[in-house]
C-alpha atoms as a PDB file:
ATOM      1  CA  MET A   1       9.102  -4.302  34.125  1.00  0.00           C
ATOM      2  CA  LEU A   2       6.696  -1.396  33.726  1.00  0.00           C
ATOM      3  CA  ARG A   3       9.148   0.838  31.861  1.00  0.00           C
ATOM      4  CA  PRO A   4       9.377  -1.241  28.597  1.00  0.00           C
ATOM      5  CA  ALA A   5       5.575  -1.392  28.449  1.00  0.00           C
ATOM      6  CA  LEU A   6       5.339   2.392  28.761  1.00  0.00           C
ATOM      7  CA  VAL A   7       7.950   2.919  26.046  1.00  0.00           C
ATOM      8  CA  PHE A   8       6.126   0.491  23.728  1.00  0.00           C
ATOM      9  CA  SER A   9       2.765   2.198  24.403  1.00  0.00           C
ATOM     10  CA  PHE A  10       4.297   5.594  23.684  1.00  0.00           C
ATOM     11  CA  LEU A  11       5.770   4.297  20.418  1.00  0.00           C
ATOM     12  CA  ILE A  12       2.403   2.861  19.301  1.00  0.00           C
ATOM     13  CA  ALA A  13       0.610   6.093  20.250  1.00  0.00           C
ATOM     14  CA  THR A  14       3.166   8.162  18.320  1.00  0.00           C
ATOM     15  CA  ILE A  15       2.732   6.035  15.190  1.00  0.00           C
ATOM     16  CA  CYS A  16      -1.063   6.337  15.400  1.00  0.00           C
ATOM     17  CA  ILE A  17      -1.037  10.090  16.007  1.00  0.00           C
ATOM     18  CA  PHE A  18       1.287  10.967  13.139  1.00  0.00           C
ATOM     19  CA  GLY A  19      -0.302   8.473  10.741  1.00  0.00           C
ATOM     20  CA  THR A  20       2.820   7.089   9.113  1.00  0.00           C
ATOM     21  CA  VAL A  21       2.005   3.466   8.481  1.00  0.00           C
ATOM     22  CA  TYR A  22       4.245   0.954   6.787  1.00  0.00           C
ATOM     23  CA  ALA A  23       4.155  -2.736   6.087  1.00  0.00           C
ATOM     24  CA  THR A  24       7.619  -4.150   6.477  1.00  0.00           C
ATOM     25  CA  SER A  25       9.446  -7.404   6.123  1.00  0.00           C
ATOM     26  CA  GLY A  26      13.180  -7.725   5.977  1.00  0.00           C
ATOM     27  CA  ASP A  27      14.698  -4.957   3.891  1.00  0.00           C
ATOM     28  CA  LEU A  28      11.580  -3.603   2.119  1.00  0.00           C
ATOM     29  CA  THR A  29       8.892  -1.268   3.444  1.00  0.00           C
ATOM     30  CA  LEU A  30       5.601  -0.340   1.791  1.00  0.00           C
ATOM     31  CA  SER A  31       3.783   2.856   2.787  1.00  0.00           C
ATOM     32  CA  LEU A  32       0.075   3.265   3.330  1.00  0.00           C
ATOM     33  CA  PRO A  33      -1.437   3.958  -0.113  1.00  0.00           C
ATOM     34  CA  THR A  34      -2.782   7.375  -1.021  1.00  0.00           C
ATOM     35  CA  THR A  35      -5.405   8.071  -3.664  1.00  0.00           C
ATOM     36  CA  VAL A  36      -4.108  10.167  -6.555  1.00  0.00           C
ATOM     37  CA  ASP A  37      -5.338  11.470  -9.899  1.00  0.00           C
ATOM     38  CA  MET A  38      -3.652  10.491 -13.158  1.00  0.00           C
ATOM     39  CA  SER A  39      -1.127  13.333 -12.723  1.00  0.00           C
ATOM     40  CA  GLY A  40      -0.042  11.955  -9.360  1.00  0.00           C
ATOM     41  CA  HIS A  41      -1.695  14.677  -7.274  1.00  0.00           C
ATOM     42  CA  GLN A  42      -3.532  13.608  -4.146  1.00  0.00           C
ATOM     43  CA  LYS A  43      -7.238  13.019  -4.788  1.00  0.00           C
ATOM     44  CA  SER A  44      -9.673  13.538  -1.922  1.00  0.00           C
ATOM     45  CA  GLU A  45     -12.912  12.579  -3.696  1.00  0.00           C
ATOM     46  CA  ILE A  46     -13.395   9.405  -5.733  1.00  0.00           C
ATOM     47  CA  ILE A  47     -16.136   9.575  -8.376  1.00  0.00           C
ATOM     48  CA  VAL A  48     -17.769   6.781 -10.409  1.00  0.00           C
ATOM     49  CA  GLY A  49     -16.283   6.644 -13.912  1.00  0.00           C
ATOM     50  CA  GLU A  50     -13.158   8.674 -13.044  1.00  0.00           C
ATOM     51  CA  PRO A  51      -9.827   6.834 -12.760  1.00  0.00           C
ATOM     52  CA  VAL A  52      -8.095   6.864  -9.389  1.00  0.00           C
ATOM     53  CA  GLY A  53      -4.560   5.764  -8.610  1.00  0.00           C
ATOM     54  CA  PHE A  54      -3.378   3.988  -5.475  1.00  0.00           C
ATOM     55  CA  SER A  55       0.140   5.237  -4.803  1.00  0.00           C
ATOM     56  CA  SER A  56       2.658   3.814  -2.308  1.00  0.00           C
ATOM     57  CA  VAL A  57       6.305   4.408  -1.510  1.00  0.00           C
ATOM     58  CA  ILE A  58       8.587   1.372  -1.521  1.00  0.00           C
ATOM     59  CA  THR A  59      11.932   1.611   0.277  1.00  0.00           C
ATOM     60  CA  ASN A  60      14.803  -0.853   0.164  1.00  0.00           C
ATOM     61  CA  HIS A  61      16.748  -0.581   3.434  1.00  0.00           C
ATOM     62  CA  GLY A  62      19.089  -3.410   2.434  1.00  0.00           C
ATOM     63  CA  THR A  63      22.496  -3.505   0.799  1.00  0.00           C
ATOM     64  CA  THR A  64      21.468  -5.424  -2.340  1.00  0.00           C
ATOM     65  CA  GLU A  65      18.960  -4.950  -5.139  1.00  0.00           C
ATOM     66  CA  LYS A  66      15.526  -6.494  -4.469  1.00  0.00           C
ATOM     67  CA  ARG A  67      12.882  -7.720  -6.925  1.00  0.00           C
ATOM     68  CA  PHE A  68       9.226  -7.272  -6.013  1.00  0.00           C
ATOM     69  CA  ILE A  69       5.660  -7.241  -7.299  1.00  0.00           C
ATOM     70  CA  TYR A  70       3.394  -4.419  -6.074  1.00  0.00           C
ATOM     71  CA  VAL A  71      -0.174  -5.761  -5.931  1.00  0.00           C
ATOM     72  CA  VAL A  72      -3.390  -3.760  -5.529  1.00  0.00           C
ATOM     73  CA  LEU A  73      -6.751  -5.432  -4.909  1.00  0.00           C
ATOM     74  CA  VAL A  74     -10.070  -3.593  -4.621  1.00  0.00           C
ATOM     75  CA  LEU A  75     -12.832  -5.505  -2.825  1.00  0.00           C
ATOM     76  CA  ASN A  76     -16.507  -4.552  -2.810  1.00  0.00           C
ATOM     77  CA  GLN A  77     -18.717  -4.710   0.299  1.00  0.00           C
ATOM     78  CA  ALA A  78     -19.361  -8.420  -0.330  1.00  0.00           C
ATOM     79  CA  LYS A  79     -15.549  -8.963  -0.259  1.00  0.00           C
ATOM     80  CA  GLN A  80     -15.568  -9.866  -3.980  1.00  0.00           C
ATOM     81  CA  ILE A  81     -12.606  -8.734  -6.079  1.00  0.00           C
ATOM     82  CA  GLU A  82     -13.515  -5.750  -8.269  1.00  0.00           C
ATOM     83  CA  PHE A  83      -9.950  -5.107  -9.405  1.00  0.00           C
ATOM     84  CA  GLN A  84      -6.585  -6.852  -9.143  1.00  0.00           C
ATOM     85  CA  GLU A  85      -3.363  -5.585 -10.735  1.00  0.00           C
ATOM     86  CA  GLY A  86       0.326  -5.831 -10.084  1.00  0.00           C
ATOM     87  CA  LEU A  87       3.553  -4.436 -11.390  1.00  0.00           C
ATOM     88  CA  SER A  88       6.973  -6.008 -11.190  1.00  0.00           C
ATOM     89  CA  ALA A  89      10.231  -4.128 -10.728  1.00  0.00           C
ATOM     90  CA  SER A  90      13.574  -4.083  -8.954  1.00  0.00           C
ATOM     91  CA  ILE A  91      14.801  -1.515  -6.464  1.00  0.00           C
ATOM     92  CA  GLY A  92      18.426  -0.766  -5.678  1.00  0.00           C
ATOM     93  CA  SER A  93      19.908  -0.763  -2.209  1.00  0.00           C
ATOM     94  CA  SER A  94      19.112   2.267  -0.046  1.00  0.00           C
ATOM     95  CA  GLN A  95      16.585   3.573  -2.594  1.00  0.00           C
ATOM     96  CA  SER A  96      12.931   4.595  -2.435  1.00  0.00           C
ATOM     97  CA  PHE A  97      10.437   5.164  -5.176  1.00  0.00           C
ATOM     98  CA  THR A  98       6.736   5.668  -5.664  1.00  0.00           C
ATOM     99  CA  VAL A  99       4.585   3.102  -7.456  1.00  0.00           C
ATOM    100  CA  ALA A 100       0.922   3.332  -8.434  1.00  0.00           C
ATOM    101  CA  GLN A 101      -1.873   1.318 -10.000  1.00  0.00           C
ATOM    102  CA  SER A 102      -5.064   2.888 -11.356  1.00  0.00           C
ATOM    103  CA  TRP A 103      -8.683   1.727 -11.240  1.00  0.00           C
ATOM    104  CA  THR A 104     -11.900   3.216 -12.613  1.00  0.00           C
ATOM    105  CA  PRO A 105     -14.868   2.534 -10.306  1.00  0.00           C
ATOM    106  CA  LYS A 106     -18.120   1.541 -12.000  1.00  0.00           C
ATOM    107  CA  GLU A 107     -20.456   1.876  -8.985  1.00  0.00           C
ATOM    108  CA  SER A 108     -20.681   4.036  -5.896  1.00  0.00           C
ATOM    109  CA  GLY A 109     -20.153   2.473  -2.491  1.00  0.00           C
ATOM    110  CA  THR A 110     -17.546   1.571   0.091  1.00  0.00           C
ATOM    111  CA  TYR A 111     -14.573  -0.499  -1.016  1.00  0.00           C
ATOM    112  CA  THR A 112     -11.527  -2.030   0.643  1.00  0.00           C
ATOM    113  CA  VAL A 113      -8.186  -1.464  -1.061  1.00  0.00           C
ATOM    114  CA  GLN A 114      -5.457  -3.982  -0.257  1.00  0.00           C
ATOM    115  CA  THR A 115      -1.811  -3.361  -1.123  1.00  0.00           C
ATOM    116  CA  VAL A 116       1.070  -5.791  -0.621  1.00  0.00           C
ATOM    117  CA  LEU A 117       4.557  -6.565  -1.900  1.00  0.00           C
ATOM    118  CA  LEU A 118       5.330 -10.050  -3.198  1.00  0.00           C
ATOM    119  CA  ASN A 119       8.780 -11.326  -4.053  1.00  0.00           C
ATOM    120  CA  GLY A 120       9.456 -10.966  -7.769  1.00  0.00           C
ATOM    121  CA  TYR A 121       9.994 -14.629  -8.550  1.00  0.00           C
ATOM    122  CA  LEU A 122       7.961 -17.315 -10.313  1.00  0.00           C
ATOM    123  CA  LEU A 123       6.560 -18.742  -7.071  1.00  0.00           C
ATOM    124  CA  SER A 124       5.664 -15.469  -5.382  1.00  0.00           C
ATOM    125  CA  SER A 125       5.203 -15.128  -1.653  1.00  0.00           C
ATOM    126  CA  ARG A 126       4.359 -12.103   0.487  1.00  0.00           C
ATOM    127  CA  ILE A 127       7.292 -10.013   1.631  1.00  0.00           C
ATOM    128  CA  THR A 128       5.215  -7.405   3.484  1.00  0.00           C
ATOM    129  CA  ASP A 129       1.987  -7.523   5.417  1.00  0.00           C
ATOM    130  CA  VAL A 130      -1.196  -6.601   3.548  1.00  0.00           C
ATOM    131  CA  ILE A 131      -2.291  -3.003   4.118  1.00  0.00           C
ATOM    132  CA  GLU A 132      -6.067  -2.456   4.041  1.00  0.00           C
ATOM    133  CA  THR A 133      -7.609   0.951   3.380  1.00  0.00           C
ATOM    134  CA  LYS A 134     -11.311   1.822   3.118  1.00  0.00           C
ATOM    135  CA  ILE A 135     -12.457   4.205   0.369  1.00  0.00           C
ATOM    136  CA  THR A 136     -15.831   5.648  -0.570  1.00  0.00           C
ATOM    137  CA  VAL A 137     -16.818   6.091  -4.202  1.00  0.00           C
ATOM    138  CA  LYS A 138     -19.484   8.736  -4.910  1.00  0.00           C
END
């Protein structure tokens, strides 16, 4: 009885220590977004008036092509939507690729970035959990 709990705790601790976070559902995974500049290089400081990209890796672990919509929402401290964009694409079986959406902040402050994958059909529904990331704009 105690052994499965220890294994599970070790697994959770390992995920937290190494920082690899994914939202998953079925065959698709979505990585934790990183902030990048317009050349795709990681950006450590976000400045008012300068565009910033939110980049994630999508992986299809399945055996068939999957359609999806990558959605990025930026919420201000009052939880109001400052930005909402999505892009639609298909990904082949056993493939990964990087997607990104850019936003130009107008005010300094702390924001919450939400990323999620929706199915790529007319009546979209979530196919991964929402990933929330806090950012600070200077």
